[in-house]
Amino acid sequence: MKPQTFMNLSGEAVRDMASAYNVPPENIIIMYDDISIHTGRLRVKRAGSDGGHNGIKSIIYQLQSDRFPRVKIGVSAPGGEDMKDYVLDELDTDAYQGVKAAPDAALTIVRSGVDAAMQDFNGKSFIPEESK
């Protein structure tokens, strides 16, 4: 599902979908950008806080739970650039490598569980060696 709401209100779309299909939070996988993770890397988590991400804050509020798996896509923090402009700008090639790997992480969660996805994806760079 790709919400058609603004990111800060994405919890409304997730809540509506979860309610319509009777899906508990622990069966909803959320994929999103994270400036605290290096570009081209992923971090899979079972649950947790919003980490300052307004979209995740909205989802936690609307679901009344933080117990949903997530795939965080690293985009690194900007150097001296306005945060809003940075996260709305086009992805650079390195960040796109993490975006391309994120669906595989979600499939691993579905097929093998969160622990397997954490083992397979956390801490690994998806930037090709020749690009580094």
N, C-alpha and C. Protein backbone atom coordinates (compact mmCIF):
# COMPACT_ATOMS: atom_id res chain seq x y z
N MET A 1 0.85 -1.17 0.00
CA MET A 1 0.00 0.00 0.00
C MET A 1 0.89 1.23 0.00
N LYS A 2 0.56 2.20 -0.80
CA LYS A 2 1.26 3.47 -0.79
C LYS A 2 0.23 4.55 -0.46
N PRO A 3 0.29 5.08 0.77
CA PRO A 3 -0.70 6.08 1.18
C PRO A 3 -0.71 7.30 0.25
N GLN A 4 -1.87 7.84 0.03
CA GLN A 4 -2.01 9.05 -0.77
C GLN A 4 -2.10 10.29 0.12
N THR A 5 -1.91 10.11 1.42
CA THR A 5 -1.92 11.22 2.36
C THR A 5 -0.52 11.84 2.42
N PHE A 6 -0.43 12.99 3.04
CA PHE A 6 0.88 13.56 3.33
C PHE A 6 1.58 12.62 4.31
N MET A 7 2.91 12.59 4.25
CA MET A 7 3.69 11.68 5.09
C MET A 7 3.33 11.86 6.57
N ASN A 8 3.14 13.09 7.02
CA ASN A 8 2.84 13.34 8.43
C ASN A 8 1.49 12.77 8.87
N LEU A 9 0.66 12.39 7.90
CA LEU A 9 -0.65 11.82 8.22
C LEU A 9 -0.76 10.37 7.76
N SER A 10 0.34 9.73 7.46
CA SER A 10 0.30 8.37 6.91
C SER A 10 -0.34 7.38 7.87
N GLY A 11 -0.36 7.68 9.14
CA GLY A 11 -1.01 6.79 10.10
C GLY A 11 -2.50 6.62 9.82
N GLU A 12 -3.13 7.65 9.26
CA GLU A 12 -4.56 7.55 8.95
C GLU A 12 -4.81 6.48 7.89
N ALA A 13 -3.99 6.47 6.85
CA ALA A 13 -4.13 5.47 5.79
C ALA A 13 -3.81 4.07 6.32
N VAL A 14 -2.77 3.96 7.13
CA VAL A 14 -2.40 2.65 7.68
C VAL A 14 -3.50 2.16 8.61
N ARG A 15 -4.04 3.04 9.44
CA ARG A 15 -5.14 2.66 10.35
C ARG A 15 -6.34 2.16 9.56
N ASP A 16 -6.72 2.89 8.49
CA ASP A 16 -7.88 2.51 7.69
C ASP A 16 -7.67 1.15 7.03
N MET A 17 -6.48 0.91 6.49
CA MET A 17 -6.18 -0.37 5.86
C MET A 17 -6.20 -1.49 6.90
N ALA A 18 -5.56 -1.26 8.03
CA ALA A 18 -5.50 -2.28 9.08
C ALA A 18 -6.91 -2.63 9.56
N SER A 19 -7.74 -1.62 9.69
CA SER A 19 -9.11 -1.84 10.14
C SER A 19 -9.93 -2.58 9.08
N ALA A 20 -9.82 -2.17 7.84
CA ALA A 20 -10.60 -2.78 6.76
C ALA A 20 -10.26 -4.25 6.57
N TYR A 21 -9.01 -4.61 6.74
CA TYR A 21 -8.57 -5.99 6.52
C TYR A 21 -8.29 -6.75 7.81
N ASN A 22 -8.60 -6.13 8.94
CA ASN A 22 -8.40 -6.75 10.26
C ASN A 22 -6.97 -7.27 10.44
N VAL A 23 -6.01 -6.40 10.16
CA VAL A 23 -4.59 -6.76 10.24
C VAL A 23 -4.01 -6.17 11.53
N PRO A 24 -3.42 -6.99 12.39
CA PRO A 24 -2.81 -6.47 13.61
C PRO A 24 -1.50 -5.75 13.29
N PRO A 25 -1.09 -4.79 14.11
CA PRO A 25 0.13 -4.02 13.85
C PRO A 25 1.36 -4.88 13.57
N GLU A 26 1.51 -5.99 14.28
CA GLU A 26 2.71 -6.82 14.10
C GLU A 26 2.78 -7.47 12.72
N ASN A 27 1.70 -7.40 11.94
CA ASN A 27 1.70 -7.93 10.57
C ASN A 27 1.76 -6.84 9.51
N ILE A 28 2.07 -5.61 9.93
CA ILE A 28 2.19 -4.49 9.00
C ILE A 28 3.67 -4.11 8.94
N ILE A 29 4.23 -4.14 7.75
CA ILE A 29 5.64 -3.77 7.56
C ILE A 29 5.67 -2.35 6.99
N ILE A 30 6.37 -1.47 7.69
CA ILE A 30 6.49 -0.08 7.25
C ILE A 30 7.91 0.14 6.73
N MET A 31 8.04 0.70 5.52
CA MET A 31 9.34 1.05 4.95
C MET A 31 9.41 2.57 4.83
N TYR A 32 10.53 3.14 5.30
CA TYR A 32 10.66 4.59 5.27
C TYR A 32 12.11 5.03 5.33
N ASP A 33 12.33 6.29 4.98
CA ASP A 33 13.68 6.86 5.00
C ASP A 33 14.08 7.21 6.42
N ASP A 34 15.40 7.16 6.68
CA ASP A 34 15.91 7.48 8.01
C ASP A 34 17.24 8.21 7.85
N ILE A 35 17.28 9.45 8.32
CA ILE A 35 18.50 10.26 8.17
C ILE A 35 19.60 9.86 9.13
N SER A 36 19.28 9.04 10.14
CA SER A 36 20.30 8.63 11.10
C SER A 36 21.06 7.38 10.64
N ILE A 37 20.70 6.84 9.50
CA ILE A 37 21.37 5.66 8.95
C ILE A 37 22.14 6.08 7.70
N HIS A 38 23.35 5.54 7.56
CA HIS A 38 24.17 5.89 6.41
C HIS A 38 23.47 5.54 5.10
N THR A 39 23.66 6.38 4.12
CA THR A 39 23.10 6.19 2.79
C THR A 39 23.48 4.81 2.24
N GLY A 40 22.50 4.15 1.63
CA GLY A 40 22.74 2.85 1.01
C GLY A 40 22.67 1.68 1.97
N ARG A 41 22.28 1.93 3.22
CA ARG A 41 22.15 0.85 4.21
C ARG A 41 20.70 0.74 4.65
N LEU A 42 20.35 -0.43 5.16
CA LEU A 42 19.02 -0.66 5.71
C LEU A 42 19.16 -1.05 7.17
N ARG A 43 18.09 -0.85 7.91
CA ARG A 43 18.02 -1.36 9.28
C ARG A 43 16.61 -1.88 9.50
N VAL A 44 16.52 -3.16 9.80
CA VAL A 44 15.25 -3.80 10.08
C VAL A 44 15.06 -3.84 11.58
N LYS A 45 13.86 -3.46 12.03
CA LYS A 45 13.53 -3.49 13.46
C LYS A 45 12.17 -4.14 13.65
N ARG A 46 12.02 -4.78 14.77
CA ARG A 46 10.76 -5.44 15.13
C ARG A 46 9.71 -4.42 15.60
N ALA A 47 10.15 -3.39 16.30
CA ALA A 47 9.26 -2.39 16.89
C ALA A 47 10.14 -1.24 17.38
N GLY A 48 9.51 -0.23 17.96
CA GLY A 48 10.30 0.85 18.55
C GLY A 48 9.60 2.19 18.49
N SER A 49 10.35 3.20 18.86
CA SER A 49 9.81 4.56 18.91
C SER A 49 9.76 5.16 17.51
N ASP A 50 9.27 6.40 17.44
CA ASP A 50 9.20 7.08 16.14
C ASP A 50 10.56 7.64 15.71
N GLY A 51 11.49 7.75 16.63
CA GLY A 51 12.82 8.25 16.28
C GLY A 51 12.83 9.64 15.67
N GLY A 52 11.79 10.42 15.94
CA GLY A 52 11.70 11.76 15.39
C GLY A 52 11.10 11.82 13.99
N HIS A 53 10.68 10.69 13.46
CA HIS A 53 10.08 10.64 12.12
C HIS A 53 8.58 10.87 12.25
N ASN A 54 8.08 11.94 11.65
CA ASN A 54 6.68 12.30 11.83
C ASN A 54 5.71 11.30 11.22
N GLY A 55 6.08 10.65 10.14
CA GLY A 55 5.22 9.62 9.57
C GLY A 55 5.05 8.44 10.51
N ILE A 56 6.15 8.02 11.13
CA ILE A 56 6.09 6.91 12.08
C ILE A 56 5.33 7.33 13.34
N LYS A 57 5.52 8.57 13.74
CA LYS A 57 4.77 9.10 14.89
C LYS A 57 3.27 9.00 14.62
N SER A 58 2.86 9.35 13.42
CA SER A 58 1.45 9.27 13.04
C SER A 58 0.95 7.84 13.04
N ILE A 59 1.75 6.92 12.52
CA ILE A 59 1.34 5.51 12.49
C ILE A 59 1.20 4.96 13.90
N ILE A 60 2.17 5.24 14.76
CA ILE A 60 2.09 4.77 16.15
C ILE A 60 0.85 5.33 16.83
N TYR A 61 0.56 6.61 16.61
CA TYR A 61 -0.61 7.24 17.23
C TYR A 61 -1.90 6.59 16.73
N GLN A 62 -2.00 6.41 15.41
CA GLN A 62 -3.25 5.88 14.85
C GLN A 62 -3.46 4.40 15.16
N LEU A 63 -2.39 3.62 15.21
CA LEU A 63 -2.52 2.20 15.54
C LEU A 63 -2.54 1.96 17.04
N GLN A 64 -2.15 2.99 17.82
CA GLN A 64 -2.02 2.86 19.28
C GLN A 64 -1.06 1.73 19.63
N SER A 65 -0.01 1.61 18.80
CA SER A 65 0.99 0.57 19.02
C SER A 65 2.27 0.93 18.26
N ASP A 66 3.39 0.55 18.84
CA ASP A 66 4.67 0.69 18.13
C ASP A 66 5.21 -0.68 17.75
N ARG A 67 4.36 -1.71 17.86
CA ARG A 67 4.76 -3.10 17.66
C ARG A 67 4.54 -3.54 16.21
N PHE A 68 5.14 -2.82 15.26
CA PHE A 68 5.09 -3.23 13.86
C PHE A 68 6.52 -3.25 13.32
N PRO A 69 6.84 -4.25 12.49
CA PRO A 69 8.18 -4.30 11.91
C PRO A 69 8.38 -3.16 10.92
N ARG A 70 9.63 -2.76 10.81
CA ARG A 70 9.94 -1.65 9.92
C ARG A 70 11.25 -1.88 9.21
N VAL A 71 11.33 -1.36 8.02
CA VAL A 71 12.56 -1.38 7.23
C VAL A 71 12.95 0.08 7.03
N LYS A 72 14.01 0.47 7.70
CA LYS A 72 14.49 1.85 7.61
C LYS A 72 15.51 1.92 6.47
N ILE A 73 15.34 2.90 5.61
CA ILE A 73 16.22 3.09 4.46
C ILE A 73 17.11 4.29 4.72
N GLY A 74 18.41 4.05 4.80
CA GLY A 74 19.34 5.12 5.13
C GLY A 74 19.49 6.16 4.04
N VAL A 75 19.36 7.42 4.44
CA VAL A 75 19.59 8.54 3.51
C VAL A 75 20.59 9.54 4.10
N SER A 76 21.16 9.24 5.25
CA SER A 76 22.12 10.10 5.95
C SER A 76 21.56 11.50 6.19
N ALA A 77 22.15 12.19 7.14
CA ALA A 77 21.73 13.56 7.46
C ALA A 77 22.42 14.54 6.52
N PRO A 78 21.71 15.58 6.11
CA PRO A 78 22.32 16.56 5.20
C PRO A 78 23.33 17.43 5.93
N GLY A 79 24.29 17.90 5.20
CA GLY A 79 25.28 18.82 5.75
C GLY A 79 24.91 20.25 5.43
N GLY A 80 24.33 20.95 6.38
CA GLY A 80 24.01 22.36 6.20
C GLY A 80 22.79 22.64 5.35
N GLU A 81 22.09 21.63 4.90
CA GLU A 81 20.92 21.81 4.06
C GLU A 81 19.66 21.76 4.92
N ASP A 82 18.64 22.49 4.52
CA ASP A 82 17.36 22.45 5.22
C ASP A 82 16.80 21.04 5.14
N MET A 83 16.41 20.47 6.28
CA MET A 83 15.96 19.09 6.34
C MET A 83 14.77 18.84 5.42
N LYS A 84 13.80 19.75 5.41
CA LYS A 84 12.61 19.57 4.58
C LYS A 84 13.00 19.47 3.11
N ASP A 85 13.86 20.37 2.65
CA ASP A 85 14.29 20.33 1.26
C ASP A 85 15.07 19.06 0.96
N TYR A 86 15.87 18.62 1.92
CA TYR A 86 16.70 17.43 1.73
C TYR A 86 15.85 16.18 1.53
N VAL A 87 14.88 15.95 2.41
CA VAL A 87 14.10 14.72 2.32
C VAL A 87 13.10 14.74 1.16
N LEU A 88 12.78 15.91 0.65
CA LEU A 88 11.87 16.00 -0.50
C LEU A 88 12.60 16.04 -1.83
N ASP A 89 13.92 16.15 -1.80
CA ASP A 89 14.72 16.21 -3.01
C ASP A 89 14.81 14.82 -3.65
N GLU A 90 15.31 14.76 -4.88
CA GLU A 90 15.51 13.48 -5.54
C GLU A 90 16.59 12.68 -4.83
N LEU A 91 16.45 11.37 -4.86
CA LEU A 91 17.45 10.50 -4.24
C LEU A 91 18.72 10.48 -5.09
N ASP A 92 19.86 10.45 -4.41
CA ASP A 92 21.09 10.24 -5.17
C ASP A 92 21.24 8.75 -5.44
N THR A 93 22.18 8.40 -6.29
CA THR A 93 22.37 7.01 -6.71
C THR A 93 22.62 6.08 -5.54
N ASP A 94 23.44 6.50 -4.57
CA ASP A 94 23.75 5.64 -3.42
C ASP A 94 22.50 5.37 -2.57
N ALA A 95 21.70 6.40 -2.33
CA ALA A 95 20.48 6.21 -1.53
C ALA A 95 19.51 5.29 -2.26
N TYR A 96 19.49 5.38 -3.57
CA TYR A 96 18.58 4.55 -4.35
C TYR A 96 18.91 3.07 -4.19
N GLN A 97 20.17 2.73 -3.94
CA GLN A 97 20.55 1.33 -3.74
C GLN A 97 19.84 0.74 -2.52
N GLY A 98 19.70 1.54 -1.48
CA GLY A 98 18.96 1.09 -0.30
C GLY A 98 17.48 0.92 -0.60
N VAL A 99 16.93 1.83 -1.39
CA VAL A 99 15.52 1.73 -1.78
C VAL A 99 15.29 0.45 -2.57
N LYS A 100 16.20 0.13 -3.46
CA LYS A 100 16.07 -1.09 -4.27
C LYS A 100 16.14 -2.35 -3.41
N ALA A 101 16.90 -2.33 -2.32
CA ALA A 101 17.07 -3.51 -1.46
C ALA A 101 15.92 -3.66 -0.46
N ALA A 102 15.19 -2.60 -0.17
CA ALA A 102 14.16 -2.62 0.87
C ALA A 102 13.05 -3.66 0.62
N PRO A 103 12.54 -3.83 -0.61
CA PRO A 103 11.52 -4.87 -0.81
C PRO A 103 12.01 -6.28 -0.48
N ASP A 104 13.29 -6.55 -0.73
CA ASP A 104 13.84 -7.86 -0.37
C ASP A 104 13.84 -8.05 1.14
N ALA A 105 14.11 -6.99 1.87
CA ALA A 105 14.07 -7.07 3.33
C ALA A 105 12.64 -7.36 3.80
N ALA A 106 11.65 -6.69 3.19
CA ALA A 106 10.25 -6.92 3.55
C ALA A 106 9.84 -8.36 3.22
N LEU A 107 10.26 -8.87 2.07
CA LEU A 107 9.95 -10.26 1.71
C LEU A 107 10.58 -11.25 2.69
N THR A 108 11.78 -10.94 3.14
CA THR A 108 12.43 -11.80 4.12
C THR A 108 11.64 -11.82 5.43
N ILE A 109 11.12 -10.66 5.83
CA ILE A 109 10.28 -10.60 7.04
C ILE A 109 9.07 -11.51 6.86
N VAL A 110 8.41 -11.42 5.71
CA VAL A 110 7.21 -12.22 5.46
C VAL A 110 7.54 -13.72 5.43
N ARG A 111 8.61 -14.07 4.73
CA ARG A 111 8.94 -15.48 4.52
C ARG A 111 9.64 -16.13 5.71
N SER A 112 10.55 -15.39 6.36
CA SER A 112 11.41 -16.01 7.37
C SER A 112 11.37 -15.35 8.74
N GLY A 113 10.71 -14.19 8.84
CA GLY A 113 10.60 -13.50 10.11
C GLY A 113 11.55 -12.32 10.25
N VAL A 114 11.27 -11.50 11.25
CA VAL A 114 12.04 -10.28 11.48
C VAL A 114 13.49 -10.60 11.84
N ASP A 115 13.70 -11.61 12.67
CA ASP A 115 15.08 -11.93 13.08
C ASP A 115 15.95 -12.28 11.88
N ALA A 116 15.41 -13.05 10.95
CA ALA A 116 16.18 -13.42 9.75
C ALA A 116 16.47 -12.18 8.90
N ALA A 117 15.50 -11.29 8.77
CA ALA A 117 15.71 -10.06 8.00
C ALA A 117 16.76 -9.18 8.67
N MET A 118 16.72 -9.11 9.99
CA MET A 118 17.72 -8.32 10.71
C MET A 118 19.11 -8.89 10.45
N GLN A 119 19.23 -10.19 10.50
CA GLN A 119 20.52 -10.83 10.28
C GLN A 119 21.01 -10.62 8.84
N ASP A 120 20.10 -10.70 7.87
CA ASP A 120 20.48 -10.59 6.46
C ASP A 120 20.76 -9.16 6.00
N PHE A 121 20.11 -8.17 6.62
CA PHE A 121 20.17 -6.82 6.06
C PHE A 121 20.83 -5.77 6.95
N ASN A 122 20.75 -5.91 8.27
CA ASN A 122 21.29 -4.87 9.15
C ASN A 122 22.81 -4.81 9.04
N GLY A 123 23.32 -3.58 8.90
CA GLY A 123 24.76 -3.36 8.87
C GLY A 123 25.43 -3.55 7.52
N LYS A 124 24.67 -3.96 6.52
CA LYS A 124 25.26 -4.19 5.19
C LYS A 124 25.01 -2.99 4.29
N SER A 125 26.01 -2.66 3.49
CA SER A 125 25.87 -1.60 2.51
C SER A 125 25.39 -2.20 1.20
N PHE A 126 24.49 -1.53 0.54
CA PHE A 126 23.98 -1.99 -0.74
C PHE A 126 24.52 -1.15 -1.89
N ILE A 127 25.53 -0.35 -1.60
CA ILE A 127 26.20 0.44 -2.63
C ILE A 127 27.24 -0.46 -3.28
N PRO A 128 27.20 -0.63 -4.59
CA PRO A 128 28.19 -1.48 -5.26
C PRO A 128 29.62 -1.00 -4.97
N GLU A 129 30.53 -1.94 -4.83
CA GLU A 129 31.92 -1.63 -4.50
C GLU A 129 32.53 -0.62 -5.45
N GLU A 130 32.24 -0.73 -6.74
CA GLU A 130 32.85 0.19 -7.73
C GLU A 130 32.35 1.62 -7.57
N SER A 131 31.24 1.82 -6.84
CA SER A 131 30.70 3.17 -6.62
C SER A 131 31.28 3.84 -5.38
N LYS A 132 31.91 3.06 -4.50
CA LYS A 132 32.39 3.61 -3.23
C LYS A 132 33.66 4.39 -3.41
